[in-house]
C-alpha atoms as a PDB file:
ATOM      1  CA  UNK A   1      58.758 -46.020 129.342  1.00  0.00           C
ATOM      2  CA  UNK A   2      61.636 -46.770 131.520  1.00  0.00           C
ATOM      3  CA  UNK A   3      63.194 -48.325 129.226  1.00  0.00           C
ATOM      4  CA  UNK A   4      63.038 -44.977 126.714  1.00  0.00           C
ATOM      5  CA  UNK A   5      64.442 -42.597 129.451  1.00  0.00           C
ATOM      6  CA  UNK A   6      67.292 -44.751 130.001  1.00  0.00           C
ATOM      7  CA  UNK A   7      68.198 -44.775 126.505  1.00  0.00           C
ATOM      8  CA  UNK A   8      67.280 -40.724 126.063  1.00  0.00           C
ATOM      9  CA  UNK A   9      70.070 -40.443 129.206  1.00  0.00           C
ATOM     10  CA  UNK A  10      72.249 -42.617 127.490  1.00  0.00           C
ATOM     11  CA  UNK A  11      72.104 -40.543 124.028  1.00  0.00           C
ATOM     12  CA  UNK A  12      72.669 -37.304 126.071  1.00  0.00           C
ATOM     13  CA  UNK A  13      75.631 -39.093 128.203  1.00  0.00           C
ATOM     14  CA  UNK A  14      76.982 -40.115 124.469  1.00  0.00           C
ATOM     15  CA  UNK A  15      76.329 -36.643 122.997  1.00  0.00           C
ATOM     16  CA  UNK A  16      77.954 -34.815 126.159  1.00  0.00           C
ATOM     17  CA  UNK A  17      81.086 -36.604 126.747  1.00  0.00           C
ATOM     18  CA  UNK A  18      81.201 -36.798 123.037  1.00  0.00           C
ATOM     19  CA  UNK A  19      81.658 -32.798 122.662  1.00  0.00           C
ATOM     20  CA  UNK A  20      78.867 -32.239 120.298  1.00  0.00           C
ATOM     21  CA  UNK A  21      78.222 -28.410 119.332  1.00  0.00           C
ATOM     22  CA  UNK A  22      75.207 -28.918 117.655  1.00  0.00           C
ATOM     23  CA  UNK A  23      72.100 -27.213 118.518  1.00  0.00           C
ATOM     24  CA  UNK A  24      68.526 -27.395 117.711  1.00  0.00           C
ATOM     25  CA  UNK A  25      66.147 -24.794 118.086  1.00  0.00           C
ATOM     26  CA  UNK A  26      61.964 -24.985 117.789  1.00  0.00           C
ATOM     27  CA  UNK A  27      60.878 -21.533 116.158  1.00  0.00           C
ATOM     28  CA  UNK A  28      56.816 -21.158 115.882  1.00  0.00           C
ATOM     29  CA  UNK A  29      55.594 -20.762 112.866  1.00  0.00           C
ATOM     30  CA  UNK A  30      51.790 -19.471 111.114  1.00  0.00           C
ATOM     31  CA  UNK A  31      49.669 -22.370 110.550  1.00  0.00           C
ATOM     32  CA  UNK A  32      50.329 -23.929 114.380  1.00  0.00           C
ATOM     33  CA  UNK A  33      53.524 -25.984 113.456  1.00  0.00           C
ATOM     34  CA  UNK A  34      57.454 -25.521 114.427  1.00  0.00           C
ATOM     35  CA  UNK A  35      59.711 -25.663 112.465  1.00  0.00           C
ATOM     36  CA  UNK A  36      63.326 -26.918 114.088  1.00  0.00           C
ATOM     37  CA  UNK A  37      66.424 -24.628 113.039  1.00  0.00           C
ATOM     38  CA  UNK A  38      69.695 -26.665 113.627  1.00  0.00           C
ATOM     39  CA  UNK A  39      73.146 -25.366 113.858  1.00  0.00           C
ATOM     40  CA  UNK A  40      76.323 -26.651 113.981  1.00  0.00           C
ATOM     41  CA  UNK A  41      80.121 -26.065 113.990  1.00  0.00           C
ATOM     42  CA  UNK A  42      81.623 -25.847 110.449  1.00  0.00           C
ATOM     43  CA  UNK A  43      84.952 -27.228 111.242  1.00  0.00           C
ATOM     44  CA  UNK A  44      85.249 -31.566 111.958  1.00  0.00           C
ATOM     45  CA  UNK A  45      85.593 -32.446 115.546  1.00  0.00           C
ATOM     46  CA  UNK A  46      89.215 -31.943 116.370  1.00  0.00           C
ATOM     47  CA  UNK A  47      89.678 -35.809 117.571  1.00  0.00           C
ATOM     48  CA  UNK A  48      87.794 -39.598 117.708  1.00  0.00           C
ATOM     49  CA  UNK A  49      89.360 -41.271 120.537  1.00  0.00           C
ATOM     50  CA  UNK A  50      86.860 -42.095 122.970  1.00  0.00           C
ATOM     51  CA  UNK A  51      86.883 -39.223 125.832  1.00  0.00           C
ATOM     52  CA  UNK A  52      87.878 -39.611 129.240  1.00  0.00           C
ATOM     53  CA  UNK A  53      86.491 -38.564 132.456  1.00  0.00           C
ATOM     54  CA  UNK A  54      89.302 -37.016 134.503  1.00  0.00           C
ATOM     55  CA  UNK A  55      88.340 -36.130 138.361  1.00  0.00           C
ATOM     56  CA  UNK A  56      88.329 -32.573 139.348  1.00  0.00           C
ATOM     57  CA  UNK A  57      91.466 -31.624 140.771  1.00  0.00           C
ATOM     58  CA  UNK A  58      91.563 -29.331 143.546  1.00  0.00           C
ATOM     59  CA  UNK A  59      93.455 -26.614 141.841  1.00  0.00           C
ATOM     60  CA  UNK A  60      91.058 -26.891 139.038  1.00  0.00           C
ATOM     61  CA  UNK A  61      88.291 -26.604 141.482  1.00  0.00           C
ATOM     62  CA  UNK A  62      89.734 -23.697 142.835  1.00  0.00           C
ATOM     63  CA  UNK A  63      89.657 -21.926 139.623  1.00  0.00           C
ATOM     64  CA  UNK A  64      86.541 -22.571 138.418  1.00  0.00           C
ATOM     65  CA  UNK A  65      85.201 -21.781 141.508  1.00  0.00           C
ATOM     66  CA  UNK A  66      87.172 -18.357 141.311  1.00  0.00           C
ATOM     67  CA  UNK A  67      85.758 -17.855 137.508  1.00  0.00           C
ATOM     68  CA  UNK A  68      81.918 -18.334 139.131  1.00  0.00           C
ATOM     69  CA  UNK A  69      82.733 -15.826 141.905  1.00  0.00           C
ATOM     70  CA  UNK A  70      83.984 -13.128 138.965  1.00  0.00           C
ATOM     71  CA  UNK A  71      80.944 -13.712 136.755  1.00  0.00           C
ATOM     72  CA  UNK A  72      78.847 -13.521 139.674  1.00  0.00           C
ATOM     73  CA  UNK A  73      80.623 -10.217 141.085  1.00  0.00           C
ATOM     74  CA  UNK A  74      80.741  -8.753 137.230  1.00  0.00           C
ATOM     75  CA  UNK A  75      76.378  -9.631 136.943  1.00  0.00           C
ATOM     76  CA  UNK A  76      76.172  -7.703 140.530  1.00  0.00           C
ATOM     77  CA  UNK A  77      78.225  -4.873 139.644  1.00  0.00           C
ATOM     78  CA  UNK A  78      75.803  -4.384 136.457  1.00  0.00           C
ATOM     79  CA  UNK A  79      78.911  -3.430 134.304  1.00  0.00           C
ATOM     80  CA  UNK A  80      77.710  -5.682 130.591  1.00  0.00           C
ATOM     81  CA  UNK A  81      81.650  -5.510 129.442  1.00  0.00           C
ATOM     82  CA  UNK A  82      82.599  -7.348 132.579  1.00  0.00           C
ATOM     83  CA  UNK A  83      79.857 -10.445 132.618  1.00  0.00           C
ATOM     84  CA  UNK A  84      80.737 -10.687 128.721  1.00  0.00           C
ATOM     85  CA  UNK A  85      84.387 -11.077 129.879  1.00  0.00           C
ATOM     86  CA  UNK A  86      83.466 -14.196 131.714  1.00  0.00           C
ATOM     87  CA  UNK A  87      82.084 -15.949 128.450  1.00  0.00           C
ATOM     88  CA  UNK A  88      84.524 -17.039 125.942  1.00  0.00           C
ATOM     89  CA  UNK A  89      85.104 -15.087 123.060  1.00  0.00           C
ATOM     90  CA  UNK A  90      86.378 -17.123 120.218  1.00  0.00           C
ATOM     91  CA  UNK A  91      83.992 -20.048 120.676  1.00  0.00           C
ATOM     92  CA  UNK A  92      80.536 -20.521 119.834  1.00  0.00           C
ATOM     93  CA  UNK A  93      78.710 -19.305 123.026  1.00  0.00           C
ATOM     94  CA  UNK A  94      74.681 -20.257 124.113  1.00  0.00           C
ATOM     95  CA  UNK A  95      73.416 -18.509 126.850  1.00  0.00           C
ATOM     96  CA  UNK A  96      69.914 -19.208 128.168  1.00  0.00           C
ATOM     97  CA  UNK A  97      68.253 -16.624 130.593  1.00  0.00           C
ATOM     98  CA  UNK A  98      65.576 -17.932 131.904  1.00  0.00           C
ATOM     99  CA  UNK A  99      63.235 -19.314 128.898  1.00  0.00           C
ATOM    100  CA  UNK A 100      65.119 -17.155 126.452  1.00  0.00           C
ATOM    101  CA  UNK A 101      67.856 -18.506 124.181  1.00  0.00           C
ATOM    102  CA  UNK A 102      70.689 -16.590 122.915  1.00  0.00           C
ATOM    103  CA  UNK A 103      72.994 -17.632 120.584  1.00  0.00           C
ATOM    104  CA  UNK A 104      76.272 -15.935 119.967  1.00  0.00           C
ATOM    105  CA  UNK A 105      78.017 -12.790 122.166  1.00  0.00           C
ATOM    106  CA  UNK A 106      75.723  -9.803 120.255  1.00  0.00           C
ATOM    107  CA  UNK A 107      72.530 -11.449 121.571  1.00  0.00           C
ATOM    108  CA  UNK A 108      74.052 -12.014 124.660  1.00  0.00           C
ATOM    109  CA  UNK A 109      74.991  -8.254 125.012  1.00  0.00           C
ATOM    110  CA  UNK A 110      72.016  -6.813 124.108  1.00  0.00           C
ATOM    111  CA  UNK A 111      70.009  -9.038 126.195  1.00  0.00           C
ATOM    112  CA  UNK A 112      72.493  -8.013 129.336  1.00  0.00           C
ATOM    113  CA  UNK A 113      72.419  -4.652 128.570  1.00  0.00           C
ATOM    114  CA  UNK A 114      68.378  -4.039 128.058  1.00  0.00           C
ATOM    115  CA  UNK A 115      68.031  -5.979 130.944  1.00  0.00           C
ATOM    116  CA  UNK A 116      70.927  -3.556 133.105  1.00  0.00           C
ATOM    117  CA  UNK A 117      68.355  -0.813 131.422  1.00  0.00           C
ATOM    118  CA  UNK A 118      65.316  -1.636 133.691  1.00  0.00           C
ATOM    119  CA  UNK A 119      65.085  -1.126 137.132  1.00  0.00           C
ATOM    120  CA  UNK A 120      66.849  -3.198 139.588  1.00  0.00           C
ATOM    121  CA  UNK A 121      69.244  -3.311 136.794  1.00  0.00           C
ATOM    122  CA  UNK A 122      70.962  -6.814 136.391  1.00  0.00           C
ATOM    123  CA  UNK A 123      70.580  -7.716 139.772  1.00  0.00           C
ATOM    124  CA  UNK A 124      72.803  -9.071 142.399  1.00  0.00           C
ATOM    125  CA  UNK A 125      74.131 -12.727 142.049  1.00  0.00           C
ATOM    126  CA  UNK A 126      75.377 -15.370 144.390  1.00  0.00           C
ATOM    127  CA  UNK A 127      75.566 -18.944 144.483  1.00  0.00           C
ATOM    128  CA  UNK A 128      74.384 -21.240 147.403  1.00  0.00           C
ATOM    129  CA  UNK A 129      76.223 -24.222 146.208  1.00  0.00           C
ATOM    130  CA  UNK A 130      77.649 -25.824 142.908  1.00  0.00           C
ATOM    131  CA  UNK A 131      79.041 -28.741 142.210  1.00  0.00           C
ATOM    132  CA  UNK A 132      81.463 -29.470 139.445  1.00  0.00           C
ATOM    133  CA  UNK A 133      82.235 -32.142 137.033  1.00  0.00           C
ATOM    134  CA  UNK A 134      85.579 -32.355 135.020  1.00  0.00           C
ATOM    135  CA  UNK A 135      85.480 -33.993 131.597  1.00  0.00           C
ATOM    136  CA  UNK A 136      88.816 -33.594 130.388  1.00  0.00           C
ATOM    137  CA  UNK A 137      91.901 -31.124 131.494  1.00  0.00           C
ATOM    138  CA  UNK A 138      89.866 -28.122 129.628  1.00  0.00           C
ATOM    139  CA  UNK A 139      86.524 -28.710 130.110  1.00  0.00           C
ATOM    140  CA  UNK A 140      84.181 -28.829 133.192  1.00  0.00           C
ATOM    141  CA  UNK A 141      80.303 -28.351 133.935  1.00  0.00           C
ATOM    142  CA  UNK A 142      79.125 -26.961 136.927  1.00  0.00           C
ATOM    143  CA  UNK A 143      75.536 -27.064 138.324  1.00  0.00           C
ATOM    144  CA  UNK A 144      73.933 -25.566 141.566  1.00  0.00           C
ATOM    145  CA  UNK A 145      71.537 -22.845 142.980  1.00  0.00           C
ATOM    146  CA  UNK A 146      71.807 -19.243 142.019  1.00  0.00           C
ATOM    147  CA  UNK A 147      70.447 -16.634 144.123  1.00  0.00           C
ATOM    148  CA  UNK A 148      69.294 -13.259 142.540  1.00  0.00           C
ATOM    149  CA  UNK A 149      68.180 -10.309 144.191  1.00  0.00           C
ATOM    150  CA  UNK A 150      66.323  -7.534 142.364  1.00  0.00           C
ATOM    151  CA  UNK A 151      64.184  -4.471 143.622  1.00  0.00           C
ATOM    152  CA  UNK A 152      63.639  -5.905 147.056  1.00  0.00           C
ATOM    153  CA  UNK A 153      62.638  -9.625 146.078  1.00  0.00           C
ATOM    154  CA  UNK A 154      65.376 -13.130 145.942  1.00  0.00           C
ATOM    155  CA  UNK A 155      64.657 -15.578 143.816  1.00  0.00           C
ATOM    156  CA  UNK A 156      66.334 -18.502 143.250  1.00  0.00           C
ATOM    157  CA  UNK A 157      66.963 -20.621 140.366  1.00  0.00           C
ATOM    158  CA  UNK A 158      69.248 -23.473 139.092  1.00  0.00           C
ATOM    159  CA  UNK A 159      72.465 -23.044 136.916  1.00  0.00           C
ATOM    160  CA  UNK A 160      74.276 -25.285 134.373  1.00  0.00           C
ATOM    161  CA  UNK A 161      77.318 -24.184 133.126  1.00  0.00           C
ATOM    162  CA  UNK A 162      80.329 -25.466 130.488  1.00  0.00           C
ATOM    163  CA  UNK A 163      83.208 -23.729 131.032  1.00  0.00           C
ATOM    164  CA  UNK A 164      86.560 -24.027 128.852  1.00  0.00           C
ATOM    165  CA  UNK A 165      90.028 -23.584 129.898  1.00  0.00           C
ATOM    166  CA  UNK A 166      91.252 -20.818 127.647  1.00  0.00           C
ATOM    167  CA  UNK A 167      95.172 -18.933 127.198  1.00  0.00           C
ATOM    168  CA  UNK A 168      92.896 -16.137 129.799  1.00  0.00           C
ATOM    169  CA  UNK A 169      91.775 -18.872 132.096  1.00  0.00           C
ATOM    170  CA  UNK A 170      88.425 -20.334 132.769  1.00  0.00           C
ATOM    171  CA  UNK A 171      85.613 -19.088 130.710  1.00  0.00           C
ATOM    172  CA  UNK A 172      82.479 -19.847 130.326  1.00  0.00           C
ATOM    173  CA  UNK A 173      80.886 -21.140 126.761  1.00  0.00           C
ATOM    174  CA  UNK A 174      77.651 -22.722 127.462  1.00  0.00           C
ATOM    175  CA  UNK A 175      75.248 -20.667 130.346  1.00  0.00           C
ATOM    176  CA  UNK A 176      71.959 -21.717 131.920  1.00  0.00           C
ATOM    177  CA  UNK A 177      70.306 -19.631 134.147  1.00  0.00           C
ATOM    178  CA  UNK A 178      66.834 -20.943 135.528  1.00  0.00           C
ATOM    179  CA  UNK A 179      64.553 -19.052 137.686  1.00  0.00           C
ATOM    180  CA  UNK A 180      61.331 -17.789 137.741  1.00  0.00           C
ATOM    181  CA  UNK A 181      59.328 -15.124 135.025  1.00  0.00           C
ATOM    182  CA  UNK A 182      59.388 -12.671 137.803  1.00  0.00           C
ATOM    183  CA  UNK A 183      63.162 -12.986 138.407  1.00  0.00           C
END
């Protein structure tokens, strides 16, 4: 069991470090089985050189922190366009809101608009803490605790965001916000 977990962790580390953008999604089917839908970028990886982990610099940390603050401010404003501006526009986008996977900007926008139209709207988002791990000069993973205040209730959850440096600054390319179903 320990060996299997170690192998799984090693495999995940290699996939993350190599920058694979493949995605698999299990979709329920009639008859009790699950069909796994796999998607990937159509272009080949840019480079085959081994990855090098770059320590997070204070400048990068500040820029990423500012991006997270802008994302939370956009979310708290209820402005779906402002939230969408924190995501990449020209790369594949994958967002998990709770247990709902959303692939691509159209699906993300539709989910945000539906949530914004509900009582309490998007709610107020802040962070309790987060940590960064910079993989290279253009890629950073941020994980931490997010706080959501909505309709007089406070919910705490965990998040992981993969950010990519673009010409327009740091943008979110993968966003996983995990909190309870009542959030």
